[in-house]
Amino acid sequence: MSQPRTILPIALTALTALVAACGGGSSTSPTPTGGTGNPPAQTATVNATSSLAFTPGNVSVAVGGTVTFDFGTVGHNVYFDNSAAGAPADIPGVNANMTATRTFSTPGTYEYSCHIHPGMKGSVVVGSSSAPPVTGGGYGY
């Protein structure tokens, strides 16, 4: 009669190990290495404010995404770093109380500035969700 007492703990141990090995699955897909799991945005808006800053100073969009530059009451412009291949057209002139939208078709980081207010800078990161965020920028004088 001592056999049933030793078989029961062994059977329970084996059953526990089997459940642990098979259970605990997740119904969600894993996040790609280095990514957030969220696709990058298709659109973003950058405000050129009277405080002489681009807000936010840095945005991210997917390839083919658009960024709308919303110019407030103070005149600004946007000039992209001409060394960045695939940069969209600049937004020249003195722009106030209007918006201008640019499409970004090539992955990369596009730095821009206001030539009226040289301290105003920003960047657009175009690509996948694994692109690291850009820090800095968006500051005035």
N, C-alpha and C. Protein backbone atom coordinates (compact mmCIF):
# COMPACT_ATOMS: atom_id res chain seq x y z
N MET A 1 0.80 -1.19 0.00
CA MET A 1 0.00 0.00 0.00
C MET A 1 0.85 1.26 0.00
N SER A 2 2.09 1.15 0.14
CA SER A 2 2.94 2.33 0.12
C SER A 2 3.17 2.84 -1.30
N GLN A 3 2.95 2.01 -2.31
CA GLN A 3 3.14 2.45 -3.68
C GLN A 3 2.20 3.58 -4.08
N PRO A 4 0.92 3.57 -3.83
CA PRO A 4 0.04 4.65 -4.25
C PRO A 4 0.47 5.99 -3.65
N ARG A 5 1.02 6.00 -2.45
CA ARG A 5 1.45 7.26 -1.83
C ARG A 5 2.66 7.86 -2.53
N THR A 6 3.55 7.08 -3.09
CA THR A 6 4.72 7.62 -3.78
C THR A 6 4.41 7.96 -5.23
N ILE A 7 3.46 7.30 -5.83
CA ILE A 7 3.11 7.58 -7.22
C ILE A 7 2.36 8.91 -7.32
N LEU A 8 1.49 9.22 -6.38
CA LEU A 8 0.71 10.45 -6.43
C LEU A 8 1.60 11.70 -6.44
N PRO A 9 2.58 11.86 -5.55
CA PRO A 9 3.44 13.05 -5.62
C PRO A 9 4.24 13.12 -6.93
N ILE A 10 4.68 11.98 -7.44
CA ILE A 10 5.43 11.97 -8.71
C ILE A 10 4.51 12.38 -9.85
N ALA A 11 3.29 11.88 -9.86
CA ALA A 11 2.33 12.22 -10.91
C ALA A 11 1.98 13.70 -10.86
N LEU A 12 1.78 14.24 -9.67
CA LEU A 12 1.48 15.67 -9.54
C LEU A 12 2.67 16.53 -9.99
N THR A 13 3.86 16.12 -9.67
CA THR A 13 5.05 16.85 -10.10
C THR A 13 5.17 16.85 -11.62
N ALA A 14 4.94 15.70 -12.24
CA ALA A 14 5.01 15.58 -13.69
C ALA A 14 3.92 16.41 -14.35
N LEU A 15 2.71 16.38 -13.79
CA LEU A 15 1.61 17.16 -14.34
C LEU A 15 1.88 18.65 -14.23
N THR A 16 2.42 19.10 -13.12
CA THR A 16 2.77 20.50 -12.93
C THR A 16 3.82 20.94 -13.94
N ALA A 17 4.83 20.11 -14.16
CA ALA A 17 5.87 20.44 -15.13
C ALA A 17 5.30 20.51 -16.54
N LEU A 18 4.38 19.60 -16.87
CA LEU A 18 3.76 19.58 -18.20
C LEU A 18 2.92 20.84 -18.42
N VAL A 19 2.13 21.24 -17.45
CA VAL A 19 1.31 22.44 -17.56
C VAL A 19 2.19 23.68 -17.68
N ALA A 20 3.26 23.74 -16.92
CA ALA A 20 4.16 24.90 -16.98
C ALA A 20 4.83 24.99 -18.35
N ALA A 21 5.18 23.86 -18.93
CA ALA A 21 5.85 23.87 -20.23
C ALA A 21 4.90 24.25 -21.35
N CYS A 22 3.64 23.89 -21.25
CA CYS A 22 2.68 24.15 -22.32
C CYS A 22 1.87 25.42 -22.11
N GLY A 23 1.66 25.81 -20.91
CA GLY A 23 0.80 26.95 -20.61
C GLY A 23 1.54 28.26 -20.67
N GLY A 24 0.81 29.30 -20.35
CA GLY A 24 1.41 30.64 -20.26
C GLY A 24 1.62 31.31 -21.60
N GLY A 25 1.05 30.76 -22.66
CA GLY A 25 1.22 31.37 -23.98
C GLY A 25 0.52 32.71 -24.04
N SER A 26 0.97 33.53 -24.96
CA SER A 26 0.39 34.85 -25.12
C SER A 26 -0.32 34.93 -26.46
N SER A 27 -1.40 35.67 -26.50
CA SER A 27 -2.13 35.81 -27.75
C SER A 27 -1.64 37.01 -28.55
N THR A 28 -0.68 37.77 -28.01
CA THR A 28 -0.16 38.92 -28.74
C THR A 28 1.17 38.57 -29.37
N SER A 29 1.47 39.22 -30.47
CA SER A 29 2.73 39.00 -31.15
C SER A 29 3.84 39.72 -30.41
N PRO A 30 5.06 39.21 -30.47
CA PRO A 30 6.16 39.90 -29.80
C PRO A 30 6.51 41.19 -30.53
N THR A 31 7.05 42.13 -29.78
CA THR A 31 7.49 43.39 -30.35
C THR A 31 8.81 43.18 -31.06
N PRO A 32 8.98 43.72 -32.27
CA PRO A 32 10.26 43.57 -32.95
C PRO A 32 11.38 44.19 -32.13
N THR A 33 12.56 43.66 -32.27
CA THR A 33 13.70 44.16 -31.53
C THR A 33 13.91 45.64 -31.81
N GLY A 34 14.01 46.41 -30.75
CA GLY A 34 14.27 47.83 -30.88
C GLY A 34 13.04 48.66 -31.20
N GLY A 35 11.88 48.06 -31.41
CA GLY A 35 10.70 48.81 -31.79
C GLY A 35 9.73 48.98 -30.65
N THR A 36 8.74 49.78 -30.89
CA THR A 36 7.72 50.01 -29.88
C THR A 36 6.50 49.14 -30.11
N GLY A 37 6.45 48.49 -31.27
CA GLY A 37 5.29 47.67 -31.59
C GLY A 37 4.20 48.47 -32.28
N ASN A 38 4.31 49.79 -32.30
CA ASN A 38 3.33 50.64 -32.96
C ASN A 38 3.89 51.12 -34.29
N PRO A 39 3.09 51.12 -35.34
CA PRO A 39 3.59 51.65 -36.60
C PRO A 39 3.78 53.16 -36.48
N PRO A 40 4.72 53.72 -37.23
CA PRO A 40 4.91 55.17 -37.16
C PRO A 40 3.68 55.89 -37.73
N ALA A 41 3.50 57.11 -37.30
CA ALA A 41 2.35 57.90 -37.72
C ALA A 41 2.43 58.24 -39.20
N GLN A 42 1.28 58.41 -39.81
CA GLN A 42 1.23 58.83 -41.21
C GLN A 42 1.24 60.35 -41.33
N THR A 43 0.82 61.03 -40.26
CA THR A 43 0.77 62.49 -40.28
C THR A 43 1.29 63.06 -38.97
N ALA A 44 1.80 64.27 -39.05
CA ALA A 44 2.23 65.01 -37.86
C ALA A 44 2.04 66.49 -38.16
N THR A 45 1.91 67.27 -37.10
CA THR A 45 1.79 68.72 -37.23
C THR A 45 2.85 69.38 -36.38
N VAL A 46 3.53 70.36 -36.98
CA VAL A 46 4.53 71.16 -36.27
C VAL A 46 4.02 72.59 -36.27
N ASN A 47 3.95 73.18 -35.12
CA ASN A 47 3.50 74.57 -34.99
C ASN A 47 4.72 75.49 -34.95
N ALA A 48 4.69 76.53 -35.76
CA ALA A 48 5.71 77.58 -35.72
C ALA A 48 5.06 78.73 -34.95
N THR A 49 5.47 78.88 -33.71
CA THR A 49 4.74 79.76 -32.79
C THR A 49 5.37 81.13 -32.65
N SER A 50 4.65 81.98 -31.96
CA SER A 50 5.15 83.32 -31.68
C SER A 50 6.26 83.30 -30.62
N SER A 51 6.44 82.15 -29.95
CA SER A 51 7.52 82.04 -28.97
C SER A 51 8.84 81.66 -29.64
N LEU A 52 8.86 81.72 -30.97
CA LEU A 52 10.06 81.46 -31.76
C LEU A 52 10.59 80.04 -31.54
N ALA A 53 9.67 79.08 -31.64
CA ALA A 53 10.04 77.67 -31.50
C ALA A 53 9.15 76.83 -32.39
N PHE A 54 9.71 75.74 -32.92
CA PHE A 54 8.92 74.72 -33.60
C PHE A 54 8.43 73.76 -32.53
N THR A 55 7.11 73.52 -32.47
CA THR A 55 6.56 72.67 -31.42
C THR A 55 5.68 71.59 -32.04
N PRO A 56 5.96 70.31 -31.84
CA PRO A 56 7.17 69.80 -31.18
C PRO A 56 8.38 70.00 -32.09
N GLY A 57 9.53 69.99 -31.48
CA GLY A 57 10.77 70.20 -32.23
C GLY A 57 11.16 69.01 -33.07
N ASN A 58 10.69 67.82 -32.71
CA ASN A 58 11.04 66.60 -33.42
C ASN A 58 9.79 65.74 -33.59
N VAL A 59 9.55 65.28 -34.82
CA VAL A 59 8.42 64.41 -35.09
C VAL A 59 8.90 63.20 -35.89
N SER A 60 8.10 62.14 -35.87
CA SER A 60 8.39 60.93 -36.64
C SER A 60 7.16 60.57 -37.47
N VAL A 61 7.40 60.19 -38.73
CA VAL A 61 6.33 59.73 -39.60
C VAL A 61 6.82 58.53 -40.40
N ALA A 62 5.88 57.78 -40.92
CA ALA A 62 6.20 56.64 -41.78
C ALA A 62 6.64 57.14 -43.15
N VAL A 63 7.31 56.27 -43.90
CA VAL A 63 7.65 56.61 -45.28
C VAL A 63 6.36 56.91 -46.03
N GLY A 64 6.32 58.02 -46.73
CA GLY A 64 5.11 58.46 -47.42
C GLY A 64 4.21 59.31 -46.54
N GLY A 65 4.60 59.52 -45.28
CA GLY A 65 3.81 60.32 -44.35
C GLY A 65 3.97 61.80 -44.63
N THR A 66 3.09 62.59 -44.02
CA THR A 66 3.12 64.04 -44.23
C THR A 66 3.29 64.78 -42.91
N VAL A 67 3.91 65.94 -43.01
CA VAL A 67 4.04 66.85 -41.87
C VAL A 67 3.44 68.17 -42.31
N THR A 68 2.52 68.68 -41.50
CA THR A 68 1.91 69.98 -41.74
C THR A 68 2.58 70.99 -40.83
N PHE A 69 3.09 72.05 -41.42
CA PHE A 69 3.69 73.15 -40.67
C PHE A 69 2.61 74.21 -40.54
N ASP A 70 2.24 74.50 -39.30
CA ASP A 70 1.16 75.45 -39.00
C ASP A 70 1.81 76.74 -38.50
N PHE A 71 1.78 77.77 -39.34
CA PHE A 71 2.40 79.04 -39.01
C PHE A 71 1.39 79.94 -38.33
N GLY A 72 1.78 80.46 -37.17
CA GLY A 72 0.91 81.34 -36.40
C GLY A 72 1.01 82.78 -36.88
N THR A 73 0.87 83.72 -35.96
CA THR A 73 0.81 85.13 -36.30
C THR A 73 2.17 85.75 -36.62
N VAL A 74 3.25 85.09 -36.23
CA VAL A 74 4.60 85.59 -36.53
C VAL A 74 5.11 84.86 -37.76
N GLY A 75 5.70 85.60 -38.70
CA GLY A 75 6.19 85.01 -39.94
C GLY A 75 7.40 84.11 -39.74
N HIS A 76 7.35 82.92 -40.37
CA HIS A 76 8.45 81.94 -40.32
C HIS A 76 8.60 81.30 -41.69
N ASN A 77 9.67 80.55 -41.85
CA ASN A 77 9.85 79.71 -43.03
C ASN A 77 10.52 78.41 -42.59
N VAL A 78 10.64 77.48 -43.52
CA VAL A 78 11.26 76.18 -43.22
C VAL A 78 12.22 75.85 -44.35
N TYR A 79 13.49 75.68 -43.98
CA TYR A 79 14.51 75.26 -44.95
C TYR A 79 15.12 73.96 -44.44
N PHE A 80 15.03 72.93 -45.30
CA PHE A 80 15.59 71.63 -44.96
C PHE A 80 17.08 71.62 -45.27
N ASP A 81 17.83 70.87 -44.46
CA ASP A 81 19.26 70.69 -44.68
C ASP A 81 19.44 70.10 -46.08
N ASN A 82 20.11 70.83 -46.96
CA ASN A 82 20.21 70.37 -48.35
C ASN A 82 21.11 69.16 -48.54
N SER A 83 21.79 68.72 -47.50
CA SER A 83 22.62 67.52 -47.63
C SER A 83 21.81 66.24 -47.44
N ALA A 84 20.56 66.37 -47.02
CA ALA A 84 19.71 65.19 -46.80
C ALA A 84 19.03 64.81 -48.11
N ALA A 85 19.46 63.70 -48.71
CA ALA A 85 18.85 63.23 -49.95
C ALA A 85 17.38 62.91 -49.71
N GLY A 86 16.52 63.34 -50.61
CA GLY A 86 15.10 63.05 -50.49
C GLY A 86 14.31 64.06 -49.69
N ALA A 87 14.96 65.14 -49.26
CA ALA A 87 14.24 66.16 -48.49
C ALA A 87 13.17 66.82 -49.36
N PRO A 88 12.02 67.13 -48.79
CA PRO A 88 10.98 67.81 -49.58
C PRO A 88 11.37 69.26 -49.84
N ALA A 89 10.56 69.94 -50.61
CA ALA A 89 10.81 71.34 -50.94
C ALA A 89 10.75 72.21 -49.69
N ASP A 90 11.61 73.22 -49.66
CA ASP A 90 11.58 74.20 -48.58
C ASP A 90 10.26 74.96 -48.60
N ILE A 91 10.00 75.67 -47.51
CA ILE A 91 8.84 76.56 -47.43
C ILE A 91 9.40 77.97 -47.26
N PRO A 92 9.75 78.61 -48.40
CA PRO A 92 10.40 79.92 -48.33
C PRO A 92 9.41 81.04 -48.02
N GLY A 93 9.95 82.24 -47.88
CA GLY A 93 9.11 83.41 -47.67
C GLY A 93 8.92 83.73 -46.20
N VAL A 94 7.96 84.59 -45.95
CA VAL A 94 7.58 84.95 -44.59
C VAL A 94 6.13 84.50 -44.45
N ASN A 95 5.94 83.36 -43.78
CA ASN A 95 4.64 82.71 -43.71
C ASN A 95 3.99 82.93 -42.35
N ALA A 96 2.80 83.50 -42.36
CA ALA A 96 2.03 83.72 -41.13
C ALA A 96 0.57 83.37 -41.40
N ASN A 97 -0.09 82.87 -40.38
CA ASN A 97 -1.51 82.53 -40.45
C ASN A 97 -1.85 81.62 -41.64
N MET A 98 -1.04 80.60 -41.82
CA MET A 98 -1.26 79.63 -42.90
C MET A 98 -0.63 78.29 -42.54
N THR A 99 -0.93 77.27 -43.33
CA THR A 99 -0.30 75.97 -43.15
C THR A 99 0.33 75.54 -44.47
N ALA A 100 1.34 74.70 -44.38
CA ALA A 100 1.98 74.10 -45.55
C ALA A 100 2.30 72.66 -45.20
N THR A 101 2.00 71.74 -46.10
CA THR A 101 2.21 70.31 -45.85
C THR A 101 3.29 69.78 -46.77
N ARG A 102 4.17 68.95 -46.22
CA ARG A 102 5.23 68.32 -46.99
C ARG A 102 5.14 66.81 -46.81
N THR A 103 5.39 66.07 -47.90
CA THR A 103 5.39 64.61 -47.88
C THR A 103 6.82 64.11 -47.85
N PHE A 104 7.07 63.07 -47.04
CA PHE A 104 8.40 62.51 -46.86
C PHE A 104 8.41 61.09 -47.43
N SER A 105 9.02 60.93 -48.60
CA SER A 105 8.99 59.66 -49.32
C SER A 105 10.22 58.79 -49.10
N THR A 106 11.27 59.33 -48.52
CA THR A 106 12.53 58.61 -48.34
C THR A 106 12.86 58.51 -46.86
N PRO A 107 13.19 57.30 -46.36
CA PRO A 107 13.57 57.17 -44.95
C PRO A 107 14.80 58.02 -44.62
N GLY A 108 14.85 58.49 -43.40
CA GLY A 108 16.00 59.28 -42.95
C GLY A 108 15.58 60.31 -41.93
N THR A 109 16.54 61.12 -41.55
CA THR A 109 16.30 62.22 -40.61
C THR A 109 16.51 63.52 -41.36
N TYR A 110 15.52 64.38 -41.30
CA TYR A 110 15.54 65.64 -42.02
C TYR A 110 15.54 66.79 -41.02
N GLU A 111 16.66 67.48 -40.94
CA GLU A 111 16.80 68.63 -40.06
C GLU A 111 16.32 69.87 -40.83
N TYR A 112 15.69 70.79 -40.13
CA TYR A 112 15.22 72.01 -40.77
C TYR A 112 15.38 73.18 -39.82
N SER A 113 15.33 74.39 -40.38
CA SER A 113 15.43 75.59 -39.56
C SER A 113 14.65 76.73 -40.21
N CYS A 114 14.42 77.75 -39.43
CA CYS A 114 13.79 78.98 -39.91
C CYS A 114 14.92 79.96 -40.19
N HIS A 115 15.01 80.46 -41.43
CA HIS A 115 16.06 81.41 -41.77
C HIS A 115 15.78 82.82 -41.26
N ILE A 116 14.55 83.08 -40.87
CA ILE A 116 14.21 84.37 -40.28
C ILE A 116 14.68 84.41 -38.83
N HIS A 117 14.52 83.28 -38.15
CA HIS A 117 14.90 83.15 -36.73
C HIS A 117 15.88 81.98 -36.63
N PRO A 118 17.18 82.23 -36.81
CA PRO A 118 18.17 81.16 -36.91
C PRO A 118 18.21 80.17 -35.75
N GLY A 119 17.71 80.53 -34.59
CA GLY A 119 17.71 79.60 -33.46
C GLY A 119 16.60 78.56 -33.53
N MET A 120 15.67 78.73 -34.45
CA MET A 120 14.55 77.79 -34.57
C MET A 120 14.98 76.60 -35.41
N LYS A 121 14.96 75.43 -34.79
CA LYS A 121 15.38 74.21 -35.48
C LYS A 121 14.45 73.07 -35.12
N GLY A 122 14.40 72.08 -35.98
CA GLY A 122 13.62 70.89 -35.71
C GLY A 122 14.06 69.76 -36.61
N SER A 123 13.41 68.62 -36.48
CA SER A 123 13.75 67.48 -37.34
C SER A 123 12.54 66.59 -37.53
N VAL A 124 12.57 65.88 -38.66
CA VAL A 124 11.55 64.90 -38.99
C VAL A 124 12.29 63.58 -39.21
N VAL A 125 11.90 62.54 -38.46
CA VAL A 125 12.46 61.21 -38.64
C VAL A 125 11.45 60.41 -39.45
N VAL A 126 11.90 59.88 -40.58
CA VAL A 126 11.02 59.14 -41.48
C VAL A 126 11.49 57.70 -41.54
N GLY A 127 10.62 56.78 -41.20
CA GLY A 127 11.00 55.38 -41.26
C GLY A 127 10.15 54.51 -40.38
N SER A 128 10.74 53.42 -39.94
CA SER A 128 10.02 52.41 -39.16
C SER A 128 9.90 52.82 -37.71
N SER A 129 9.12 52.03 -36.96
CA SER A 129 8.92 52.30 -35.53
C SER A 129 10.18 52.06 -34.73
N SER A 130 11.18 51.40 -35.33
CA SER A 130 12.41 51.13 -34.58
C SER A 130 13.39 52.28 -34.67
N ALA A 131 13.05 53.35 -35.39
CA ALA A 131 13.93 54.51 -35.48
C ALA A 131 14.02 55.17 -34.12
N PRO A 132 15.23 55.45 -33.64
CA PRO A 132 15.35 56.08 -32.32
C PRO A 132 14.84 57.51 -32.36
N PRO A 133 14.26 57.97 -31.25
CA PRO A 133 13.79 59.35 -31.24
C PRO A 133 14.96 60.31 -31.29
N VAL A 134 14.75 61.44 -31.94
CA VAL A 134 15.79 62.47 -32.03
C VAL A 134 15.58 63.40 -30.84
N THR A 135 16.67 63.79 -30.20
CA THR A 135 16.55 64.67 -29.04
C THR A 135 17.04 66.06 -29.42
N GLY A 136 16.61 67.03 -28.65
CA GLY A 136 17.03 68.42 -28.87
C GLY A 136 16.18 69.09 -29.92
N GLY A 137 16.58 70.30 -30.30
CA GLY A 137 15.86 71.04 -31.32
C GLY A 137 14.62 71.69 -30.75
N GLY A 138 13.92 72.42 -31.60
CA GLY A 138 12.68 73.04 -31.20
C GLY A 138 12.85 74.24 -30.31
N TYR A 139 14.02 74.79 -30.24
CA TYR A 139 14.27 75.89 -29.33
C TYR A 139 14.32 77.19 -30.07
N GLY A 140 14.08 78.27 -29.34
CA GLY A 140 14.15 79.61 -29.92
C GLY A 140 15.52 80.21 -29.66
N TYR A 141 15.58 81.53 -29.64
CA TYR A 141 16.86 82.23 -29.41
C TYR A 141 17.42 81.88 -28.06
